[in-house]
Amino acid sequence: DINILIAEDNEYKQLLIADTLKKFI
């Protein structure tokens, strides 16, 4: 249940970071 704020302007990297975090946390 970590609350994370992510600043990233690239749509692909947004998707990759979000998928990684959702997969493991």
mmCIF file of all heavy atoms, coordinates in Angstrom:
data_MODEL
# 
_entry.id   MODEL 
# 
loop_
_atom_site.group_PDB 
_atom_site.id 
_atom_site.type_symbol 
_atom_site.label_atom_id 
_atom_site.label_alt_id 
_atom_site.label_comp_id 
_atom_site.label_asym_id 
_atom_site.label_entity_id 
_atom_site.label_seq_id 
_atom_site.pdbx_PDB_ins_code 
_atom_site.Cartn_x 
_atom_site.Cartn_y 
_atom_site.Cartn_z 
_atom_site.occupancy 
_atom_site.B_iso_or_equiv 
_atom_site.pdbx_formal_charge 
_atom_site.auth_seq_id 
_atom_site.auth_comp_id 
_atom_site.auth_asym_id 
_atom_site.auth_atom_id 
_atom_site.pdbx_PDB_model_num 
ATOM 1   N N   . ASP A 1 1  ? 0.816  -1.227 0.000   1.00 0.00 ? 1  ASP A N   1 
ATOM 2   C CA  . ASP A 1 1  ? 0.000  0.000  0.000   1.00 0.00 ? 1  ASP A CA  1 
ATOM 3   C C   . ASP A 1 1  ? 0.850  1.279  0.000   1.00 0.00 ? 1  ASP A C   1 
ATOM 4   O O   . ASP A 1 1  ? 0.526  2.250  0.693   1.00 0.00 ? 1  ASP A O   1 
ATOM 5   C CB  . ASP A 1 1  ? -0.941 0.017  1.218   1.00 0.00 ? 1  ASP A CB  1 
ATOM 6   C CG  . ASP A 1 1  ? -1.791 -1.251 1.277   1.00 0.00 ? 1  ASP A CG  1 
ATOM 7   O OD1 . ASP A 1 1  ? -2.403 -1.574 0.245   1.00 0.00 ? 1  ASP A OD1 1 
ATOM 8   O OD2 . ASP A 1 1  ? -1.802 -1.901 2.323   1.00 0.00 ? 1  ASP A OD2 1 
ATOM 9   N N   . ILE A 1 2  ? 1.917  1.294  -0.757  1.00 0.00 ? 2  ILE A N   1 
ATOM 10  C CA  . ILE A 1 2  ? 2.761  2.482  -0.860  1.00 0.00 ? 2  ILE A CA  1 
ATOM 11  C C   . ILE A 1 2  ? 2.103  3.498  -1.784  1.00 0.00 ? 2  ILE A C   1 
ATOM 12  O O   . ILE A 1 2  ? 1.576  3.151  -2.838  1.00 0.00 ? 2  ILE A O   1 
ATOM 13  C CB  . ILE A 1 2  ? 4.164  2.118  -1.415  1.00 0.00 ? 2  ILE A CB  1 
ATOM 14  C CG1 . ILE A 1 2  ? 4.773  0.970  -0.624  1.00 0.00 ? 2  ILE A CG1 1 
ATOM 15  C CG2 . ILE A 1 2  ? 5.079  3.336  -1.411  1.00 0.00 ? 2  ILE A CG2 1 
ATOM 16  C CD1 . ILE A 1 2  ? 5.100  1.278  0.781   1.00 0.00 ? 2  ILE A CD1 1 
ATOM 17  N N   . ASN A 1 3  ? 2.149  4.766  -1.393  1.00 0.00 ? 3  ASN A N   1 
ATOM 18  C CA  . ASN A 1 3  ? 1.594  5.849  -2.199  1.00 0.00 ? 3  ASN A CA  1 
ATOM 19  C C   . ASN A 1 3  ? 2.743  6.551  -2.936  1.00 0.00 ? 3  ASN A C   1 
ATOM 20  O O   . ASN A 1 3  ? 3.568  7.224  -2.309  1.00 0.00 ? 3  ASN A O   1 
ATOM 21  C CB  . ASN A 1 3  ? 0.857  6.842  -1.295  1.00 0.00 ? 3  ASN A CB  1 
ATOM 22  C CG  . ASN A 1 3  ? -0.050 7.764  -2.089  1.00 0.00 ? 3  ASN A CG  1 
ATOM 23  O OD1 . ASN A 1 3  ? 0.111  7.906  -3.296  1.00 0.00 ? 3  ASN A OD1 1 
ATOM 24  N ND2 . ASN A 1 3  ? -0.983 8.413  -1.409  1.00 0.00 ? 3  ASN A ND2 1 
ATOM 25  N N   . ILE A 1 4  ? 2.800  6.395  -4.240  1.00 0.00 ? 4  ILE A N   1 
ATOM 26  C CA  . ILE A 1 4  ? 3.956  6.855  -5.014  1.00 0.00 ? 4  ILE A CA  1 
ATOM 27  C C   . ILE A 1 4  ? 3.543  7.916  -6.032  1.00 0.00 ? 4  ILE A C   1 
ATOM 28  O O   . ILE A 1 4  ? 2.551  7.757  -6.746  1.00 0.00 ? 4  ILE A O   1 
ATOM 29  C CB  . ILE A 1 4  ? 4.605  5.670  -5.767  1.00 0.00 ? 4  ILE A CB  1 
ATOM 30  C CG1 . ILE A 1 4  ? 4.957  4.538  -4.799  1.00 0.00 ? 4  ILE A CG1 1 
ATOM 31  C CG2 . ILE A 1 4  ? 5.853  6.135  -6.514  1.00 0.00 ? 4  ILE A CG2 1 
ATOM 32  C CD1 . ILE A 1 4  ? 5.396  3.262  -5.491  1.00 0.00 ? 4  ILE A CD1 1 
ATOM 33  N N   . LEU A 1 5  ? 4.326  8.989  -6.103  1.00 0.00 ? 5  LEU A N   1 
ATOM 34  C CA  . LEU A 1 5  ? 4.131  10.034 -7.108  1.00 0.00 ? 5  LEU A CA  1 
ATOM 35  C C   . LEU A 1 5  ? 5.266  9.929  -8.124  1.00 0.00 ? 5  LEU A C   1 
ATOM 36  O O   . LEU A 1 5  ? 6.443  9.949  -7.748  1.00 0.00 ? 5  LEU A O   1 
ATOM 37  C CB  . LEU A 1 5  ? 4.143  11.412 -6.447  1.00 0.00 ? 5  LEU A CB  1 
ATOM 38  C CG  . LEU A 1 5  ? 3.928  12.634 -7.349  1.00 0.00 ? 5  LEU A CG  1 
ATOM 39  C CD1 . LEU A 1 5  ? 2.631  12.527 -8.137  1.00 0.00 ? 5  LEU A CD1 1 
ATOM 40  C CD2 . LEU A 1 5  ? 3.953  13.911 -6.519  1.00 0.00 ? 5  LEU A CD2 1 
ATOM 41  N N   . ILE A 1 6  ? 4.912  9.794  -9.388  1.00 0.00 ? 6  ILE A N   1 
ATOM 42  C CA  . ILE A 1 6  ? 5.913  9.571  -10.434 1.00 0.00 ? 6  ILE A CA  1 
ATOM 43  C C   . ILE A 1 6  ? 5.853  10.694 -11.458 1.00 0.00 ? 6  ILE A C   1 
ATOM 44  O O   . ILE A 1 6  ? 4.788  11.004 -12.002 1.00 0.00 ? 6  ILE A O   1 
ATOM 45  C CB  . ILE A 1 6  ? 5.685  8.224  -11.137 1.00 0.00 ? 6  ILE A CB  1 
ATOM 46  C CG1 . ILE A 1 6  ? 5.719  7.072  -10.120 1.00 0.00 ? 6  ILE A CG1 1 
ATOM 47  C CG2 . ILE A 1 6  ? 6.724  8.003  -12.229 1.00 0.00 ? 6  ILE A CG2 1 
ATOM 48  C CD1 . ILE A 1 6  ? 5.268  5.746  -10.688 1.00 0.00 ? 6  ILE A CD1 1 
ATOM 49  N N   . ALA A 1 7  ? 7.004  11.301 -11.738 1.00 0.00 ? 7  ALA A N   1 
ATOM 50  C CA  . ALA A 1 7  ? 7.115  12.328 -12.775 1.00 0.00 ? 7  ALA A CA  1 
ATOM 51  C C   . ALA A 1 7  ? 7.894  11.749 -13.948 1.00 0.00 ? 7  ALA A C   1 
ATOM 52  O O   . ALA A 1 7  ? 9.094  11.473 -13.824 1.00 0.00 ? 7  ALA A O   1 
ATOM 53  C CB  . ALA A 1 7  ? 7.810  13.576 -12.228 1.00 0.00 ? 7  ALA A CB  1 
ATOM 54  N N   . GLU A 1 8  ? 7.215  11.537 -15.064 1.00 0.00 ? 8  GLU A N   1 
ATOM 55  C CA  . GLU A 1 8  ? 7.823  10.941 -16.262 1.00 0.00 ? 8  GLU A CA  1 
ATOM 56  C C   . GLU A 1 8  ? 7.019  11.397 -17.472 1.00 0.00 ? 8  GLU A C   1 
ATOM 57  O O   . GLU A 1 8  ? 5.796  11.230 -17.499 1.00 0.00 ? 8  GLU A O   1 
ATOM 58  C CB  . GLU A 1 8  ? 7.834  9.419  -16.147 1.00 0.00 ? 8  GLU A CB  1 
ATOM 59  C CG  . GLU A 1 8  ? 8.193  8.671  -17.412 1.00 0.00 ? 8  GLU A CG  1 
ATOM 60  C CD  . GLU A 1 8  ? 9.589  8.971  -17.921 1.00 0.00 ? 8  GLU A CD  1 
ATOM 61  O OE1 . GLU A 1 8  ? 10.559 8.583  -17.251 1.00 0.00 ? 8  GLU A OE1 1 
ATOM 62  O OE2 . GLU A 1 8  ? 9.687  9.609  -18.994 1.00 0.00 ? 8  GLU A OE2 1 
ATOM 63  N N   . ASP A 1 9  ? 7.679  11.963 -18.469 1.00 0.00 ? 9  ASP A N   1 
ATOM 64  C CA  . ASP A 1 9  ? 6.948  12.531 -19.608 1.00 0.00 ? 9  ASP A CA  1 
ATOM 65  C C   . ASP A 1 9  ? 6.755  11.550 -20.752 1.00 0.00 ? 9  ASP A C   1 
ATOM 66  O O   . ASP A 1 9  ? 5.999  11.835 -21.677 1.00 0.00 ? 9  ASP A O   1 
ATOM 67  C CB  . ASP A 1 9  ? 7.659  13.784 -20.129 1.00 0.00 ? 9  ASP A CB  1 
ATOM 68  C CG  . ASP A 1 9  ? 9.037  13.472 -20.704 1.00 0.00 ? 9  ASP A CG  1 
ATOM 69  O OD1 . ASP A 1 9  ? 9.838  12.837 -19.997 1.00 0.00 ? 9  ASP A OD1 1 
ATOM 70  O OD2 . ASP A 1 9  ? 9.310  13.858 -21.858 1.00 0.00 ? 9  ASP A OD2 1 
ATOM 71  N N   . ASN A 1 10 ? 7.438  10.401 -20.714 1.00 0.00 ? 10 ASN A N   1 
ATOM 72  C CA  . ASN A 1 10 ? 7.338  9.443  -21.807 1.00 0.00 ? 10 ASN A CA  1 
ATOM 73  C C   . ASN A 1 10 ? 6.251  8.417  -21.504 1.00 0.00 ? 10 ASN A C   1 
ATOM 74  O O   . ASN A 1 10 ? 6.298  7.722  -20.483 1.00 0.00 ? 10 ASN A O   1 
ATOM 75  C CB  . ASN A 1 10 ? 8.686  8.753  -22.019 1.00 0.00 ? 10 ASN A CB  1 
ATOM 76  C CG  . ASN A 1 10 ? 8.690  7.862  -23.240 1.00 0.00 ? 10 ASN A CG  1 
ATOM 77  O OD1 . ASN A 1 10 ? 8.107  6.791  -23.224 1.00 0.00 ? 10 ASN A OD1 1 
ATOM 78  N ND2 . ASN A 1 10 ? 9.343  8.298  -24.297 1.00 0.00 ? 10 ASN A ND2 1 
ATOM 79  N N   . GLU A 1 11 ? 5.266  8.297  -22.407 1.00 0.00 ? 11 GLU A N   1 
ATOM 80  C CA  . GLU A 1 11 ? 4.117  7.432  -22.166 1.00 0.00 ? 11 GLU A CA  1 
ATOM 81  C C   . GLU A 1 11 ? 4.516  5.977  -21.983 1.00 0.00 ? 11 GLU A C   1 
ATOM 82  O O   . GLU A 1 11 ? 3.944  5.259  -21.148 1.00 0.00 ? 11 GLU A O   1 
ATOM 83  C CB  . GLU A 1 11 ? 3.123  7.538  -23.335 1.00 0.00 ? 11 GLU A CB  1 
ATOM 84  C CG  . GLU A 1 11 ? 2.565  8.938  -23.559 1.00 0.00 ? 11 GLU A CG  1 
ATOM 85  C CD  . GLU A 1 11 ? 3.391  9.731  -24.567 1.00 0.00 ? 11 GLU A CD  1 
ATOM 86  O OE1 . GLU A 1 11 ? 4.602  9.421  -24.711 1.00 0.00 ? 11 GLU A OE1 1 
ATOM 87  O OE2 . GLU A 1 11 ? 2.853  10.641 -25.192 1.00 0.00 ? 11 GLU A OE2 1 
ATOM 88  N N   . TYR A 1 12 ? 5.495  5.515  -22.763 1.00 0.00 ? 12 TYR A N   1 
ATOM 89  C CA  . TYR A 1 12 ? 5.925  4.121  -22.658 1.00 0.00 ? 12 TYR A CA  1 
ATOM 90  C C   . TYR A 1 12 ? 6.585  3.852  -21.311 1.00 0.00 ? 12 TYR A C   1 
ATOM 91  O O   . TYR A 1 12 ? 6.348  2.822  -20.684 1.00 0.00 ? 12 TYR A O   1 
ATOM 92  C CB  . TYR A 1 12 ? 6.910  3.801  -23.795 1.00 0.00 ? 12 TYR A CB  1 
ATOM 93  C CG  . TYR A 1 12 ? 6.291  2.977  -24.882 1.00 0.00 ? 12 TYR A CG  1 
ATOM 94  C CD1 . TYR A 1 12 ? 5.248  3.479  -25.650 1.00 0.00 ? 12 TYR A CD1 1 
ATOM 95  C CD2 . TYR A 1 12 ? 6.727  1.686  -25.150 1.00 0.00 ? 12 TYR A CD2 1 
ATOM 96  C CE1 . TYR A 1 12 ? 4.669  2.723  -26.649 1.00 0.00 ? 12 TYR A CE1 1 
ATOM 97  C CE2 . TYR A 1 12 ? 6.151  0.929  -26.161 1.00 0.00 ? 12 TYR A CE2 1 
ATOM 98  C CZ  . TYR A 1 12 ? 5.127  1.460  -26.901 1.00 0.00 ? 12 TYR A CZ  1 
ATOM 99  O OH  . TYR A 1 12 ? 4.549  0.709  -27.883 1.00 0.00 ? 12 TYR A OH  1 
ATOM 100 N N   . LYS A 1 13 ? 7.421  4.801  -20.871 1.00 0.00 ? 13 LYS A N   1 
ATOM 101 C CA  . LYS A 1 13 ? 8.095  4.612  -19.588 1.00 0.00 ? 13 LYS A CA  1 
ATOM 102 C C   . LYS A 1 13 ? 7.098  4.688  -18.438 1.00 0.00 ? 13 LYS A C   1 
ATOM 103 O O   . LYS A 1 13 ? 7.249  3.999  -17.425 1.00 0.00 ? 13 LYS A O   1 
ATOM 104 C CB  . LYS A 1 13 ? 9.204  5.646  -19.428 1.00 0.00 ? 13 LYS A CB  1 
ATOM 105 C CG  . LYS A 1 13 ? 10.359 5.439  -20.407 1.00 0.00 ? 13 LYS A CG  1 
ATOM 106 C CD  . LYS A 1 13 ? 11.387 6.547  -20.308 1.00 0.00 ? 13 LYS A CD  1 
ATOM 107 C CE  . LYS A 1 13 ? 12.457 6.379  -21.375 1.00 0.00 ? 13 LYS A CE  1 
ATOM 108 N NZ  . LYS A 1 13 ? 13.406 7.515  -21.421 1.00 0.00 ? 13 LYS A NZ  1 
ATOM 109 N N   . GLN A 1 14 ? 6.074  5.536  -18.586 1.00 0.00 ? 14 GLN A N   1 
ATOM 110 C CA  . GLN A 1 14 ? 5.014  5.576  -17.578 1.00 0.00 ? 14 GLN A CA  1 
ATOM 111 C C   . GLN A 1 14 ? 4.372  4.207  -17.424 1.00 0.00 ? 14 GLN A C   1 
ATOM 112 O O   . GLN A 1 14 ? 4.169  3.715  -16.309 1.00 0.00 ? 14 GLN A O   1 
ATOM 113 C CB  . GLN A 1 14 ? 3.952  6.603  -17.982 1.00 0.00 ? 14 GLN A CB  1 
ATOM 114 C CG  . GLN A 1 14 ? 4.374  8.046  -17.855 1.00 0.00 ? 14 GLN A CG  1 
ATOM 115 C CD  . GLN A 1 14 ? 3.268  8.998  -18.278 1.00 0.00 ? 14 GLN A CD  1 
ATOM 116 O OE1 . GLN A 1 14 ? 2.222  8.583  -18.762 1.00 0.00 ? 14 GLN A OE1 1 
ATOM 117 N NE2 . GLN A 1 14 ? 3.504  10.288 -18.097 1.00 0.00 ? 14 GLN A NE2 1 
ATOM 118 N N   . LEU A 1 15 ? 4.033  3.604  -18.543 1.00 0.00 ? 15 LEU A N   1 
ATOM 119 C CA  . LEU A 1 15 ? 3.388  2.292  -18.538 1.00 0.00 ? 15 LEU A CA  1 
ATOM 120 C C   . LEU A 1 15 ? 4.298  1.233  -17.925 1.00 0.00 ? 15 LEU A C   1 
ATOM 121 O O   . LEU A 1 15 ? 3.870  0.407  -17.109 1.00 0.00 ? 15 LEU A O   1 
ATOM 122 C CB  . LEU A 1 15 ? 3.005  1.907  -19.967 1.00 0.00 ? 15 LEU A CB  1 
ATOM 123 C CG  . LEU A 1 15 ? 2.249  0.591  -20.172 1.00 0.00 ? 15 LEU A CG  1 
ATOM 124 C CD1 . LEU A 1 15 ? 0.944  0.594  -19.390 1.00 0.00 ? 15 LEU A CD1 1 
ATOM 125 C CD2 . LEU A 1 15 ? 1.986  0.367  -21.656 1.00 0.00 ? 15 LEU A CD2 1 
ATOM 126 N N   . LEU A 1 16 ? 5.587  1.253  -18.295 1.00 0.00 ? 16 LEU A N   1 
ATOM 127 C CA  . LEU A 1 16 ? 6.536  0.263  -17.796 1.00 0.00 ? 16 LEU A CA  1 
ATOM 128 C C   . LEU A 1 16 ? 6.739  0.385  -16.287 1.00 0.00 ? 16 LEU A C   1 
ATOM 129 O O   . LEU A 1 16 ? 6.727  -0.616 -15.563 1.00 0.00 ? 16 LEU A O   1 
ATOM 130 C CB  . LEU A 1 16 ? 7.877  0.423  -18.522 1.00 0.00 ? 16 LEU A CB  1 
ATOM 131 C CG  . LEU A 1 16 ? 8.990  -0.541 -18.115 1.00 0.00 ? 16 LEU A CG  1 
ATOM 132 C CD1 . LEU A 1 16 ? 8.578  -1.979 -18.366 1.00 0.00 ? 16 LEU A CD1 1 
ATOM 133 C CD2 . LEU A 1 16 ? 10.278 -0.229 -18.871 1.00 0.00 ? 16 LEU A CD2 1 
ATOM 134 N N   . ILE A 1 17 ? 6.919  1.620  -15.797 1.00 0.00 ? 17 ILE A N   1 
ATOM 135 C CA  . ILE A 1 17 ? 7.122  1.826  -14.358 1.00 0.00 ? 17 ILE A CA  1 
ATOM 136 C C   . ILE A 1 17 ? 5.884  1.387  -13.584 1.00 0.00 ? 17 ILE A C   1 
ATOM 137 O O   . ILE A 1 17 ? 5.972  0.680  -12.568 1.00 0.00 ? 17 ILE A O   1 
ATOM 138 C CB  . ILE A 1 17 ? 7.438  3.306  -14.052 1.00 0.00 ? 17 ILE A CB  1 
ATOM 139 C CG1 . ILE A 1 17 ? 8.767  3.710  -14.694 1.00 0.00 ? 17 ILE A CG1 1 
ATOM 140 C CG2 . ILE A 1 17 ? 7.510  3.543  -12.544 1.00 0.00 ? 17 ILE A CG2 1 
ATOM 141 C CD1 . ILE A 1 17 ? 9.026  5.205  -14.693 1.00 0.00 ? 17 ILE A CD1 1 
ATOM 142 N N   . ALA A 1 18 ? 4.712  1.801  -14.050 1.00 0.00 ? 18 ALA A N   1 
ATOM 143 C CA  . ALA A 1 18 ? 3.466  1.457  -13.357 1.00 0.00 ? 18 ALA A CA  1 
ATOM 144 C C   . ALA A 1 18 ? 3.257  -0.052 -13.328 1.00 0.00 ? 18 ALA A C   1 
ATOM 145 O O   . ALA A 1 18 ? 2.892  -0.615 -12.285 1.00 0.00 ? 18 ALA A O   1 
ATOM 146 C CB  . ALA A 1 18 ? 2.294  2.159  -14.036 1.00 0.00 ? 18 ALA A CB  1 
ATOM 147 N N   . ASP A 1 19 ? 3.491  -0.716 -14.454 1.00 0.00 ? 19 ASP A N   1 
ATOM 148 C CA  . ASP A 1 19 ? 3.307  -2.166 -14.511 1.00 0.00 ? 19 ASP A CA  1 
ATOM 149 C C   . ASP A 1 19 ? 4.262  -2.883 -13.564 1.00 0.00 ? 19 ASP A C   1 
ATOM 150 O O   . ASP A 1 19 ? 3.895  -3.866 -12.909 1.00 0.00 ? 19 ASP A O   1 
ATOM 151 C CB  . ASP A 1 19 ? 3.516  -2.671 -15.941 1.00 0.00 ? 19 ASP A CB  1 
ATOM 152 C CG  . ASP A 1 19 ? 2.319  -2.375 -16.842 1.00 0.00 ? 19 ASP A CG  1 
ATOM 153 O OD1 . ASP A 1 19 ? 1.281  -1.933 -16.315 1.00 0.00 ? 19 ASP A OD1 1 
ATOM 154 O OD2 . ASP A 1 19 ? 2.428  -2.584 -18.054 1.00 0.00 ? 19 ASP A OD2 1 
ATOM 155 N N   . THR A 1 20 ? 5.511  -2.409 -13.493 1.00 0.00 ? 20 THR A N   1 
ATOM 156 C CA  . THR A 1 20 ? 6.501  -3.021 -12.609 1.00 0.00 ? 20 THR A CA  1 
ATOM 157 C C   . THR A 1 20 ? 6.086  -2.883 -11.150 1.00 0.00 ? 20 THR A C   1 
ATOM 158 O O   . THR A 1 20 ? 6.116  -3.848 -10.377 1.00 0.00 ? 20 THR A O   1 
ATOM 159 C CB  . THR A 1 20 ? 7.884  -2.369 -12.819 1.00 0.00 ? 20 THR A CB  1 
ATOM 160 O OG1 . THR A 1 20 ? 8.294  -2.559 -14.167 1.00 0.00 ? 20 THR A OG1 1 
ATOM 161 C CG2 . THR A 1 20 ? 8.918  -2.983 -11.887 1.00 0.00 ? 20 THR A CG2 1 
ATOM 162 N N   . LEU A 1 21 ? 5.661  -1.691 -10.752 1.00 0.00 ? 21 LEU A N   1 
ATOM 163 C CA  . LEU A 1 21 ? 5.288  -1.455 -9.357  1.00 0.00 ? 21 LEU A CA  1 
ATOM 164 C C   . LEU A 1 21 ? 4.024  -2.231 -8.975  1.00 0.00 ? 21 LEU A C   1 
ATOM 165 O O   . LEU A 1 21 ? 3.946  -2.813 -7.894  1.00 0.00 ? 21 LEU A O   1 
ATOM 166 C CB  . LEU A 1 21 ? 5.076  0.042  -9.125  1.00 0.00 ? 21 LEU A CB  1 
ATOM 167 C CG  . LEU A 1 21 ? 6.329  0.918  -9.283  1.00 0.00 ? 21 LEU A CG  1 
ATOM 168 C CD1 . LEU A 1 21 ? 5.965  2.393  -9.166  1.00 0.00 ? 21 LEU A CD1 1 
ATOM 169 C CD2 . LEU A 1 21 ? 7.393  0.544  -8.258  1.00 0.00 ? 21 LEU A CD2 1 
ATOM 170 N N   . LYS A 1 22 ? 3.049  -2.252 -9.878  1.00 0.00 ? 22 LYS A N   1 
ATOM 171 C CA  . LYS A 1 22 ? 1.805  -2.989 -9.596  1.00 0.00 ? 22 LYS A CA  1 
ATOM 172 C C   . LYS A 1 22 ? 2.060  -4.493 -9.502  1.00 0.00 ? 22 LYS A C   1 
ATOM 173 O O   . LYS A 1 22 ? 1.373  -5.206 -8.762  1.00 0.00 ? 22 LYS A O   1 
ATOM 174 C CB  . LYS A 1 22 ? 0.779  -2.705 -10.686 1.00 0.00 ? 22 LYS A CB  1 
ATOM 175 C CG  . LYS A 1 22 ? 0.209  -1.295 -10.632 1.00 0.00 ? 22 LYS A CG  1 
ATOM 176 C CD  . LYS A 1 22 ? -0.706 -1.027 -11.825 1.00 0.00 ? 22 LYS A CD  1 
ATOM 177 C CE  . LYS A 1 22 ? -1.228 0.403  -11.814 1.00 0.00 ? 22 LYS A CE  1 
ATOM 178 N NZ  . LYS A 1 22 ? -2.039 0.701  -13.018 1.00 0.00 ? 22 LYS A NZ  1 
ATOM 179 N N   . LYS A 1 23 ? 3.039  -4.966 -10.258 1.00 0.00 ? 23 LYS A N   1 
ATOM 180 C CA  . LYS A 1 23 ? 3.355  -6.396 -10.273 1.00 0.00 ? 23 LYS A CA  1 
ATOM 181 C C   . LYS A 1 23 ? 3.952  -6.852 -8.949  1.00 0.00 ? 23 LYS A C   1 
ATOM 182 O O   . LYS A 1 23 ? 3.700  -7.962 -8.485  1.00 0.00 ? 23 LYS A O   1 
ATOM 183 C CB  . LYS A 1 23 ? 4.334  -6.676 -11.411 1.00 0.00 ? 23 LYS A CB  1 
ATOM 184 C CG  . LYS A 1 23 ? 4.688  -8.144 -11.602 1.00 0.00 ? 23 LYS A CG  1 
ATOM 185 C CD  . LYS A 1 23 ? 5.594  -8.313 -12.816 1.00 0.00 ? 23 LYS A CD  1 
ATOM 186 C CE  . LYS A 1 23 ? 5.953  -9.765 -13.065 1.00 0.00 ? 23 LYS A CE  1 
ATOM 187 N NZ  . LYS A 1 23 ? 6.840  -9.924 -14.239 1.00 0.00 ? 23 LYS A NZ  1 
ATOM 188 N N   . PHE A 1 24 ? 4.732  -5.958 -8.298  1.00 0.00 ? 24 PHE A N   1 
ATOM 189 C CA  . PHE A 1 24 ? 5.497  -6.400 -7.133  1.00 0.00 ? 24 PHE A CA  1 
ATOM 190 C C   . PHE A 1 24 ? 5.069  -5.793 -5.805  1.00 0.00 ? 24 PHE A C   1 
ATOM 191 O O   . PHE A 1 24 ? 5.500  -6.266 -4.759  1.00 0.00 ? 24 PHE A O   1 
ATOM 192 C CB  . PHE A 1 24 ? 6.985  -6.097 -7.353  1.00 0.00 ? 24 PHE A CB  1 
ATOM 193 C CG  . PHE A 1 24 ? 7.595  -6.864 -8.490  1.00 0.00 ? 24 PHE A CG  1 
ATOM 194 C CD1 . PHE A 1 24 ? 8.132  -6.210 -9.583  1.00 0.00 ? 24 PHE A CD1 1 
ATOM 195 C CD2 . PHE A 1 24 ? 7.620  -8.240 -8.472  1.00 0.00 ? 24 PHE A CD2 1 
ATOM 196 C CE1 . PHE A 1 24 ? 8.694  -6.918 -10.634 1.00 0.00 ? 24 PHE A CE1 1 
ATOM 197 C CE2 . PHE A 1 24 ? 8.172  -8.956 -9.510  1.00 0.00 ? 24 PHE A CE2 1 
ATOM 198 C CZ  . PHE A 1 24 ? 8.705  -8.297 -10.598 1.00 0.00 ? 24 PHE A CZ  1 
ATOM 199 N N   . ILE A 1 25 ? 4.252  -4.737 -5.804  1.00 0.00 ? 25 ILE A N   1 
ATOM 200 C CA  . ILE A 1 25 ? 3.867  -4.108 -4.539  1.00 0.00 ? 25 ILE A CA  1 
ATOM 201 C C   . ILE A 1 25 ? 2.350  -4.197 -4.381  1.00 0.00 ? 25 ILE A C   1 
ATOM 202 O O   . ILE A 1 25 ? 1.610  -3.470 -5.050  1.00 0.00 ? 25 ILE A O   1 
ATOM 203 C CB  . ILE A 1 25 ? 4.314  -2.633 -4.478  1.00 0.00 ? 25 ILE A CB  1 
ATOM 204 C CG1 . ILE A 1 25 ? 5.822  -2.522 -4.708  1.00 0.00 ? 25 ILE A CG1 1 
ATOM 205 C CG2 . ILE A 1 25 ? 3.956  -2.026 -3.117  1.00 0.00 ? 25 ILE A CG2 1 
ATOM 206 C CD1 . ILE A 1 25 ? 6.335  -1.106 -4.720  1.00 0.00 ? 25 ILE A CD1 1 
# 
